[in-house]
């Protein structure tokens, strides 16, 4: 009976070890994906900010150009 219980225990430990390894691997993958996602979101926010700033500058330049007095050429 001792051999049977040792065999059962070994099998249970093997299954537990495998499940624990899979769980740790899954947690590592999830944390890596989270890090990549956060980096992507930060980069997207930075690029959006730069784009909006450039668009505002372009609109201000266009408004200044439209408001500037037009030169009348001599004929």
C-alpha atoms as a PDB file:
ATOM      1  CA  UNK A   1       0.000   0.000   0.000  1.00  0.00           C
ATOM      2  CA  UNK A   2       2.924   2.301   0.601  1.00  0.00           C
ATOM      3  CA  UNK A   3       4.110   1.860  -2.970  1.00  0.00           C
ATOM      4  CA  UNK A   4       0.660   2.759  -4.275  1.00  0.00           C
ATOM      5  CA  UNK A   5       0.434   5.870  -2.150  1.00  0.00           C
ATOM      6  CA  UNK A   6       3.973   6.908  -3.176  1.00  0.00           C
ATOM      7  CA  UNK A   7       3.072   6.422  -6.828  1.00  0.00           C
ATOM      8  CA  UNK A   8      -0.144   8.419  -6.392  1.00  0.00           C
ATOM      9  CA  UNK A   9       1.729  11.170  -4.558  1.00  0.00           C
ATOM     10  CA  UNK A  10       4.395  11.323  -7.254  1.00  0.00           C
ATOM     11  CA  UNK A  11       1.719  11.582  -9.934  1.00  0.00           C
ATOM     12  CA  UNK A  12      -0.099  14.303  -8.005  1.00  0.00           C
ATOM     13  CA  UNK A  13       3.138  16.244  -7.500  1.00  0.00           C
ATOM     14  CA  UNK A  14       3.923  15.894 -11.193  1.00  0.00           C
ATOM     15  CA  UNK A  15       0.487  17.190 -12.210  1.00  0.00           C
ATOM     16  CA  UNK A  16       0.732  20.043  -9.700  1.00  0.00           C
ATOM     17  CA  UNK A  17       4.214  20.982 -10.881  1.00  0.00           C
ATOM     18  CA  UNK A  18       3.056  21.007 -14.491  1.00  0.00           C
ATOM     19  CA  UNK A  19       0.018  23.142 -13.650  1.00  0.00           C
ATOM     20  CA  UNK A  20       2.160  25.535 -11.601  1.00  0.00           C
ATOM     21  CA  UNK A  21       4.674  25.894 -14.453  1.00  0.00           C
ATOM     22  CA  UNK A  22       1.875  26.578 -16.931  1.00  0.00           C
ATOM     23  CA  UNK A  23       0.361  29.148 -14.605  1.00  0.00           C
ATOM     24  CA  UNK A  24       3.682  30.942 -14.165  1.00  0.00           C
ATOM     25  CA  UNK A  25       4.250  30.927 -17.925  1.00  0.00           C
ATOM     26  CA  UNK A  26       0.768  32.314 -18.529  1.00  0.00           C
ATOM     27  CA  UNK A  27       1.306  35.061 -15.935  1.00  0.00           C
ATOM     28  CA  UNK A  28       4.628  35.992 -17.565  1.00  0.00           C
ATOM     29  CA  UNK A  29       3.026  36.156 -21.011  1.00  0.00           C
ATOM     30  CA  UNK A  30       0.152  38.279 -19.713  1.00  0.00           C
ATOM     31  CA  UNK A  31       2.499  40.718 -17.985  1.00  0.00           C
ATOM     32  CA  UNK A  32       4.613  40.999 -21.154  1.00  0.00           C
ATOM     33  CA  UNK A  33       1.476  41.698 -23.197  1.00  0.00           C
ATOM     34  CA  UNK A  34       0.386  44.316 -20.669  1.00  0.00           C
ATOM     35  CA  UNK A  35       3.775  46.012 -20.884  1.00  0.00           C
ATOM     36  CA  UNK A  36       3.622  46.063 -24.690  1.00  0.00           C
ATOM     37  CA  UNK A  37       0.065  47.384 -24.601  1.00  0.00           C
ATOM     38  CA  UNK A  38       0.960  50.153 -22.143  1.00  0.00           C
ATOM     39  CA  UNK A  39       3.968  51.148 -24.244  1.00  0.00           C
ATOM     40  CA  UNK A  40       1.788  51.252 -27.369  1.00  0.00           C
ATOM     41  CA  UNK A  41      -0.843  53.381 -25.616  1.00  0.00           C
ATOM     42  CA  UNK A  42       1.811  55.802 -24.340  1.00  0.00           C
ATOM     43  CA  UNK A  43       3.346  56.131 -27.799  1.00  0.00           C
ATOM     44  CA  UNK A  44      -0.072  56.640 -29.383  1.00  0.00           C
ATOM     45  CA  UNK A  45      -0.914  59.360 -26.860  1.00  0.00           C
ATOM     46  CA  UNK A  46       2.429  61.100 -27.486  1.00  0.00           C
ATOM     47  CA  UNK A  47       1.983  60.962 -31.258  1.00  0.00           C
ATOM     48  CA  UNK A  48      -1.619  62.209 -30.991  1.00  0.00           C
ATOM     49  CA  UNK A  49      -0.419  65.132 -28.883  1.00  0.00           C
ATOM     50  CA  UNK A  50       2.271  65.996 -31.423  1.00  0.00           C
ATOM     51  CA  UNK A  51      -0.212  65.735 -34.312  1.00  0.00           C
ATOM     52  CA  UNK A  52      -2.743  67.982 -32.609  1.00  0.00           C
ATOM     53  CA  UNK A  53      -0.023  70.510 -31.809  1.00  0.00           C
ATOM     54  CA  UNK A  54       1.124  70.511 -35.443  1.00  0.00           C
ATOM     55  CA  UNK A  55      -2.452  70.883 -36.703  1.00  0.00           C
ATOM     56  CA  UNK A  56      -2.992  73.833 -34.345  1.00  0.00           C
ATOM     57  CA  UNK A  57       0.238  75.456 -35.586  1.00  0.00           C
ATOM     58  CA  UNK A  58      -0.794  74.885 -39.205  1.00  0.00           C
ATOM     59  CA  UNK A  59      -4.227  76.396 -38.587  1.00  0.00           C
ATOM     60  CA  UNK A  60      -2.679  79.409 -36.841  1.00  0.00           C
ATOM     61  CA  UNK A  61      -0.272  79.908 -39.738  1.00  0.00           C
ATOM     62  CA  UNK A  62      -3.113  79.641 -42.257  1.00  0.00           C
ATOM     63  CA  UNK A  63      -5.195  82.134 -40.265  1.00  0.00           C
ATOM     64  CA  UNK A  64      -2.253  84.546 -40.067  1.00  0.00           C
ATOM     65  CA  UNK A  65      -1.682  84.223 -43.794  1.00  0.00           C
ATOM     66  CA  UNK A  66      -5.350  84.869 -44.529  1.00  0.00           C
ATOM     67  CA  UNK A  67      -5.423  87.874 -42.196  1.00  0.00           C
ATOM     68  CA  UNK A  68      -2.279  89.429 -43.630  1.00  0.00           C
ATOM     69  CA  UNK A  69      -2.912  92.329 -46.007  1.00  0.00           C
ATOM     70  CA  UNK A  70      -2.640  91.302 -49.586  1.00  0.00           C
ATOM     71  CA  UNK A  71      -0.069  92.991 -51.746  1.00  0.00           C
ATOM     72  CA  UNK A  72      -1.297  94.671 -54.822  1.00  0.00           C
ATOM     73  CA  UNK A  73       1.183  94.279 -57.608  1.00  0.00           C
ATOM     74  CA  UNK A  74       2.028  97.185 -59.939  1.00  0.00           C
ATOM     75  CA  UNK A  75       0.972  96.748 -63.499  1.00  0.00           C
END
